[in-house]
Amino acid sequence: MPLEIVGLGKREVRFVWDEGVEDVWTARELRIMCTCANCQSEATGERLLDPKTVPEDITVTDMSLVGNYGVGIHFSDGHTTGIYRFRVLKKPT
């Protein structure tokens, strides 16, 4: 779990991990990698979201912790169902 998550109202989200490592994701990257049932087929894993439909200037409008394992992110395009697991958000070093 990160120590800090910064990105509300911004075009990028910064995750600060306890090792002093920071990972930055653009809001657009996060929106495109969403794995909710609207963005990725539950049956086949096929991507349903066309990245071309995600605005370049998309921002984060709300965030909330989901247990100790992830964060729910709401985007300026109205998408609100994505849950992002911390183990995926922590980039390999």
Protein backbone atom coordinates (compact mmCIF):
# COMPACT_ATOMS: atom_id res chain seq x y z
CA MET A 1 0.00 0.00 0.00
CA PRO A 2 1.41 3.43 -0.88
CA LEU A 3 2.12 6.03 1.76
CA GLU A 4 0.64 8.75 -0.40
CA ILE A 5 -1.45 9.06 -3.56
CA VAL A 6 -1.55 12.47 -5.25
CA GLY A 7 -3.56 13.22 -8.36
CA LEU A 8 -7.04 14.53 -7.62
CA GLY A 9 -8.03 16.94 -10.38
CA LYS A 10 -4.82 16.25 -12.27
CA ARG A 11 -3.72 14.56 -15.48
CA GLU A 12 -1.32 12.28 -13.60
CA VAL A 13 -1.30 10.30 -10.37
CA ARG A 14 1.79 9.91 -8.18
CA PHE A 15 2.11 6.90 -5.87
CA VAL A 16 4.68 7.18 -3.07
CA TRP A 17 5.72 3.78 -1.73
CA ASP A 18 7.27 3.05 1.68
CA GLU A 19 10.67 2.36 0.13
CA GLY A 20 10.86 6.01 -0.95
CA VAL A 21 10.08 5.02 -4.52
CA GLU A 22 7.58 7.05 -6.51
CA ASP A 23 5.65 5.88 -9.55
CA VAL A 24 3.78 8.29 -11.79
CA TRP A 25 0.98 7.23 -14.13
CA THR A 26 -0.93 9.54 -16.44
CA ALA A 27 -4.67 9.55 -15.96
CA ARG A 28 -4.97 8.41 -19.57
CA GLU A 29 -2.68 5.40 -18.97
CA LEU A 30 -4.75 4.40 -15.96
CA ARG A 31 -8.04 4.81 -17.81
CA ILE A 32 -6.79 2.68 -20.72
CA MET A 33 -5.57 -0.11 -18.42
CA CYS A 34 -8.90 -0.41 -16.58
CA THR A 35 -9.98 -4.04 -16.17
CA CYS A 36 -13.64 -3.51 -15.29
CA ALA A 37 -16.24 -5.52 -17.23
CA ASN A 38 -16.96 -2.54 -19.49
CA CYS A 39 -13.31 -2.23 -20.52
CA GLN A 40 -12.21 -5.88 -20.61
CA SER A 41 -14.21 -9.03 -21.31
CA GLU A 42 -14.64 -11.10 -18.16
CA ALA A 43 -14.92 -14.27 -20.25
CA THR A 44 -11.99 -13.87 -22.63
CA GLY A 45 -9.83 -11.07 -21.21
CA GLU A 46 -10.15 -9.25 -24.55
CA ARG A 47 -9.83 -5.48 -24.34
CA LEU A 48 -13.19 -3.83 -25.09
CA LEU A 49 -12.09 -0.22 -24.58
CA ASP A 50 -10.67 1.41 -27.69
CA PRO A 51 -7.76 3.61 -26.47
CA LYS A 52 -8.56 6.10 -29.25
CA THR A 53 -11.79 6.96 -27.40
CA VAL A 54 -9.93 8.09 -24.26
CA PRO A 55 -9.30 11.86 -24.33
CA GLU A 56 -5.69 13.02 -24.14
CA ASP A 57 -6.64 15.60 -21.49
CA ILE A 58 -8.52 13.21 -19.19
CA THR A 59 -8.18 13.93 -15.46
CA VAL A 60 -8.89 12.19 -12.16
CA THR A 61 -12.07 13.50 -10.52
CA ASP A 62 -12.17 11.26 -7.44
CA MET A 63 -10.19 8.48 -5.75
CA SER A 64 -10.94 6.15 -2.87
CA LEU A 65 -9.09 3.29 -1.23
CA VAL A 66 -10.44 -0.21 -1.86
CA GLY A 67 -9.41 -2.24 1.16
CA ASN A 68 -5.65 -2.48 1.54
CA TYR A 69 -5.11 -3.69 -2.01
CA GLY A 70 -6.18 -0.96 -4.41
CA VAL A 71 -7.68 2.36 -5.33
CA GLY A 72 -10.89 3.20 -7.13
CA ILE A 73 -10.46 6.02 -9.60
CA HIS A 74 -13.13 8.18 -11.24
CA PHE A 75 -12.24 9.99 -14.44
CA SER A 76 -13.41 13.16 -16.16
CA ASP A 77 -14.89 11.08 -19.02
CA GLY A 78 -17.45 9.73 -16.53
CA HIS A 79 -15.86 6.30 -16.03
CA THR A 80 -16.11 5.26 -12.37
CA THR A 81 -15.92 1.47 -12.14
CA GLY A 82 -12.18 0.80 -12.30
CA ILE A 83 -10.31 -0.65 -9.34
CA TYR A 84 -6.53 -0.52 -9.64
CA ARG A 85 -4.53 -2.99 -7.56
CA PHE A 86 -1.41 -1.60 -5.92
CA ARG A 87 0.67 -4.59 -7.03
CA VAL A 88 -0.04 -3.56 -10.64
CA LEU A 89 0.56 0.13 -10.04
CA LYS A 90 3.97 -0.40 -8.48
CA LYS A 91 6.34 -0.40 -11.43
CA PRO A 92 9.23 -2.88 -11.39
CA THR A 93 12.53 -1.38 -10.32
